[in-house]
Protein backbone atom coordinates (compact mmCIF):
# COMPACT_ATOMS: atom_id res chain seq x y z
CA MET A 1 53.11 103.54 40.24
CA ALA A 2 54.19 106.60 38.28
CA GLU A 3 56.60 107.82 40.93
CA GLY A 4 57.90 104.30 41.37
CA ALA A 5 58.65 104.15 37.65
CA ILE A 6 60.80 107.26 37.79
CA LEU A 7 62.29 106.99 41.28
CA PHE A 8 63.17 103.31 41.29
CA LYS A 9 63.06 101.99 37.72
CA LYS A 10 64.28 105.22 36.05
CA ASP A 11 61.82 104.47 33.25
CA ASN A 12 60.61 107.72 31.67
CA LEU A 13 58.13 106.06 29.32
CA GLU A 14 56.40 104.11 32.09
CA PHE A 15 56.31 107.27 34.20
CA PHE A 16 54.70 109.17 31.32
CA PHE A 17 52.16 106.37 30.72
CA TRP A 18 50.96 106.30 34.32
CA MET A 19 50.81 110.09 34.44
CA CYS A 20 48.50 110.09 31.44
CA ILE A 21 46.24 107.51 33.10
CA PHE A 22 46.23 109.49 36.34
CA PHE A 23 45.45 112.74 34.56
CA LEU A 24 42.64 111.32 32.39
CA THR A 25 40.99 109.70 35.41
CA SER A 26 41.06 112.80 37.59
CA PHE A 27 40.15 115.21 34.78
CA SER A 28 37.22 113.03 33.67
CA TYR A 29 35.91 112.88 37.21
CA LYS A 30 36.20 116.65 37.60
CA LYS A 31 34.40 117.27 34.30
CA TRP A 32 31.58 115.05 35.53
CA GLN A 33 31.43 116.94 38.80
CA SER A 34 31.46 120.28 36.95
CA GLY A 35 28.04 119.41 35.59
CA ILE A 36 26.82 119.59 39.20
CA LEU A 37 29.10 122.46 40.29
CA PRO A 38 29.63 124.65 37.21
CA HIS A 39 31.49 127.44 39.07
CA SER A 40 34.68 125.47 39.45
CA ALA A 41 38.20 126.51 40.45
CA LEU A 42 39.27 124.57 37.36
CA ASN A 43 37.50 126.93 34.96
CA TRP A 44 39.85 128.41 32.37
CA LYS A 45 39.45 132.18 32.34
CA ALA A 46 41.27 134.96 30.49
CA SER A 47 43.65 135.41 33.44
CA ALA A 48 44.55 131.70 33.62
CA PRO A 49 47.62 131.76 31.30
CA ARG A 50 49.10 134.66 33.25
CA GLU A 51 48.46 132.88 36.55
CA VAL A 52 50.06 129.65 35.32
CA LEU A 53 53.16 131.49 34.07
CA SER A 54 53.43 133.56 37.26
CA GLY A 55 53.16 130.46 39.42
CA LEU A 56 55.60 128.59 37.19
CA PHE A 57 58.12 131.41 37.59
CA ILE A 58 57.78 131.31 41.39
CA GLY A 59 58.02 127.51 41.59
CA ILE A 60 61.04 127.27 39.29
CA GLY A 61 62.66 130.27 40.95
CA CYS A 62 62.23 128.94 44.49
CA ALA A 63 63.54 125.45 43.73
CA SER A 64 66.35 126.72 41.48
CA ALA A 65 67.46 129.21 44.14
CA ALA A 66 67.66 126.45 46.75
CA PHE A 67 69.71 124.26 44.38
CA THR A 68 72.01 127.13 43.38
CA ILE A 69 72.62 128.19 46.99
CA ALA A 70 73.35 124.59 48.01
CA LEU A 71 75.73 124.17 45.09
CA GLY A 72 77.50 127.48 45.71
CA SER A 73 77.77 126.76 49.43
CA HIS A 74 79.33 123.32 48.70
CA LEU A 75 76.48 121.52 50.45
CA ILE A 76 76.05 119.36 47.33
CA ALA A 77 78.18 118.47 44.33
CA ILE A 78 77.21 117.46 40.79
CA GLU A 79 78.43 113.97 39.93
CA THR A 80 77.03 113.42 36.44
CA TYR A 81 75.45 115.72 33.90
CA PRO A 82 74.05 114.45 30.56
CA SER A 83 74.98 115.98 27.23
CA PHE A 84 72.62 118.41 25.53
CA LEU A 85 70.41 116.02 23.53
CA PRO A 86 69.80 113.46 26.33
CA PHE A 87 69.19 116.34 28.75
CA THR A 88 66.69 118.00 26.42
CA ARG A 89 64.87 114.75 25.71
CA SER A 90 64.58 113.89 29.42
CA PHE A 91 63.65 117.46 30.32
CA ILE A 92 60.75 117.60 27.84
CA MET A 93 59.47 114.17 28.82
CA LEU A 94 59.66 114.79 32.56
CA SER A 95 58.31 118.35 32.34
CA PHE A 96 55.24 117.19 30.46
CA GLY A 97 54.89 114.20 32.77
CA VAL A 98 54.94 116.32 35.92
CA LEU A 99 52.52 118.77 34.28
CA LEU A 100 50.01 115.93 34.19
CA THR A 101 50.73 114.69 37.70
CA SER A 102 50.73 118.20 39.19
CA LEU A 103 47.37 119.10 37.65
CA SER A 104 45.86 115.71 38.49
CA GLU A 105 47.00 116.01 42.11
CA ASP A 106 45.67 119.56 42.29
CA ILE A 107 42.27 118.38 41.05
CA LEU A 108 42.06 115.43 43.44
CA THR A 109 43.40 117.10 46.59
CA ARG A 110 42.21 120.69 46.11
CA VAL A 111 39.77 121.55 43.31
CA ILE A 112 37.17 118.88 44.12
CA TRP A 113 37.08 119.85 47.79
CA TYR A 114 37.21 123.59 47.18
CA ASP A 115 34.30 123.40 44.76
CA ARG A 116 32.30 121.26 47.17
CA PHE A 117 32.92 123.13 50.43
CA GLN A 118 33.79 126.74 49.54
CA LYS A 119 30.37 127.94 50.72
CA GLN A 120 30.08 125.55 53.66
CA ILE A 121 33.32 126.12 55.58
CA THR A 122 35.72 129.00 56.18
CA PRO A 123 38.70 129.72 53.90
CA SER A 124 41.08 128.76 56.73
CA ALA A 125 39.31 125.42 57.13
CA LEU A 126 39.56 124.85 53.37
CA ILE A 127 43.29 125.54 53.47
CA PHE A 128 43.70 123.09 56.36
CA LEU A 129 41.58 120.42 54.63
CA THR A 130 43.43 120.60 51.31
CA THR A 131 46.81 120.63 53.08
CA LEU A 132 45.83 117.52 55.01
CA LEU A 133 44.68 115.73 51.86
CA TYR A 134 47.82 116.72 49.97
CA SER A 135 50.06 115.47 52.79
CA LEU A 136 48.15 112.19 53.11
CA ASN A 137 48.49 111.69 49.35
CA HIS A 138 52.23 111.33 50.05
CA ILE A 139 51.79 108.85 52.89
CA TYR A 140 54.30 106.55 51.19
CA ARG A 141 56.99 109.03 52.33
CA TYR A 142 56.04 108.53 55.97
CA ASN A 143 59.47 107.15 56.85
CA ASP A 144 61.43 109.93 55.11
CA GLY A 145 61.66 112.06 58.25
CA TRP A 146 60.43 115.33 59.68
CA LEU A 147 62.01 117.50 56.99
CA VAL A 148 60.04 115.84 54.19
CA TRP A 149 56.80 116.20 56.15
CA THR A 150 57.58 119.84 56.92
CA HIS A 151 58.11 120.37 53.19
CA LEU A 152 54.81 118.66 52.32
CA ILE A 153 52.85 120.67 54.89
CA LEU A 154 54.42 123.96 53.82
CA ILE A 155 53.72 123.53 50.12
CA GLY A 156 50.25 122.18 50.94
CA LEU A 157 49.60 125.43 52.82
CA ILE A 158 51.07 127.45 49.94
CA PHE A 159 48.85 125.71 47.39
CA GLY A 160 45.76 126.00 49.59
CA THR A 161 46.39 129.68 50.36
CA THR A 162 46.83 130.63 46.71
CA LEU A 163 43.72 128.63 45.75
CA VAL A 164 41.61 130.49 48.32
CA GLN A 165 43.10 133.85 47.31
CA LYS A 166 42.71 133.42 43.54
CA ARG A 167 39.58 131.22 43.61
CA THR A 168 41.10 129.26 40.74
CA ILE A 169 43.67 126.48 40.66
CA TRP A 170 45.93 127.91 37.98
CA PHE A 171 48.34 130.01 40.04
CA SER A 172 48.95 127.23 42.59
CA PHE A 173 49.20 124.72 39.74
CA GLY A 174 51.96 126.83 38.17
CA ILE A 175 53.92 126.82 41.45
CA HIS A 176 53.38 123.07 41.83
CA TRP A 177 54.48 122.36 38.27
CA GLY A 178 57.59 124.55 38.61
CA LEU A 179 58.68 122.88 41.84
CA ASN A 180 58.22 119.44 40.29
CA ILE A 181 60.16 120.36 37.14
CA ILE A 182 63.24 121.41 39.11
CA TYR A 183 62.90 118.40 41.41
CA GLN A 184 63.06 116.08 38.41
CA VAL A 185 65.95 117.99 36.84
CA THR A 186 68.06 118.00 40.02
CA ASN A 187 67.23 114.46 41.15
CA ASN A 188 66.78 112.41 37.99
CA ILE A 189 68.49 114.21 35.10
CA ILE A 190 71.42 115.70 37.00
CA GLN A 191 72.97 113.35 39.56
CA THR A 192 74.22 115.01 42.74
CA ARG A 193 75.65 113.92 46.06
CA GLU A 194 75.40 115.55 49.46
CA ILE A 195 78.61 116.89 50.95
CA ASN A 196 77.05 118.13 54.18
CA THR A 197 74.54 115.60 55.46
CA SER A 198 73.44 117.69 58.45
CA PHE A 199 72.31 120.66 56.34
CA SER A 200 71.44 120.13 52.69
CA GLY A 201 69.82 121.87 49.77
CA PHE A 202 66.51 120.42 50.90
CA HIS A 203 66.81 122.39 54.15
CA ILE A 204 67.30 125.55 52.09
CA LEU A 205 64.25 124.74 49.97
CA VAL A 206 62.10 124.31 53.10
CA ILE A 207 63.34 127.66 54.44
CA LEU A 208 62.47 129.39 51.15
CA GLU A 209 59.04 127.72 51.15
CA ALA A 210 58.42 129.02 54.68
CA ILE A 211 59.35 132.54 53.56
CA LEU A 212 57.03 132.26 50.54
CA LEU A 213 54.18 131.05 52.76
CA LEU A 214 54.65 133.95 55.19
CA PHE A 215 54.63 136.37 52.26
CA LEU A 216 51.39 134.89 50.90
CA LEU A 217 49.74 134.98 54.33
CA LEU A 218 50.76 138.61 54.72
CA ILE A 219 49.15 139.46 51.37
CA ARG A 220 46.02 137.55 52.37
CA ASN A 221 45.73 139.39 55.67
CA GLN A 222 46.20 142.75 53.98
CA SER A 223 43.54 141.99 51.38
CA GLN A 224 41.11 140.93 54.13
CA ASN A 225 41.73 144.19 56.02
CA ILE A 226 41.03 146.19 52.87
CA LYS A 227 37.75 144.36 52.27
CA GLN A 228 36.52 144.87 55.86
CA PRO A 229 34.22 147.94 56.13
CA ILE A 230 35.24 150.71 58.49
CA THR A 231 32.81 150.95 61.39
CA GLN A 232 32.30 153.78 63.78
């Protein structure tokens, strides 16, 4: 309902309303579950602000780079751009709205399952499970084609990998929030049109996401090798 409000009705207030409902529902459920599982990936530690900001920087940087490359390569063109005050008003509303939806989605498709199964299944299985749940949460985009599903799987793997590495949600939440902020800016605040329909800015974003995932997996493998004891 929230995404329908912004994608189809272009109604920021309705979008914000449904995001608040979504967030309160998921956060309340997670707080209830935390009474059973107190060592939660949602716990706010001293490192959490730094992790959120680091993830936010990566998410905004990745999505902004894809948009900038596409614009500079004449793959897309800007058709309309609001003046400063309307842009600022929409930016604040949508940024706060996607903060709520990003965190709510992270709780429902990652934190709950990580907290429940982190000691029962392997980290790789947890990454696969949370990626599957994240992708299925976007089942309404089933008809959008292979590129959209590749994007969903890649960022699901990115979010799952960072969750397993950090053992908290805050770094992956920052990435998620940053990606969603730039998506809203470049699709709902700024109006663009595709010049090259065979290769677009979305293709570039997927390529950058694949590079980011490979980088994260490399770091994960290196950290695992360091932790393994040397045997004779």
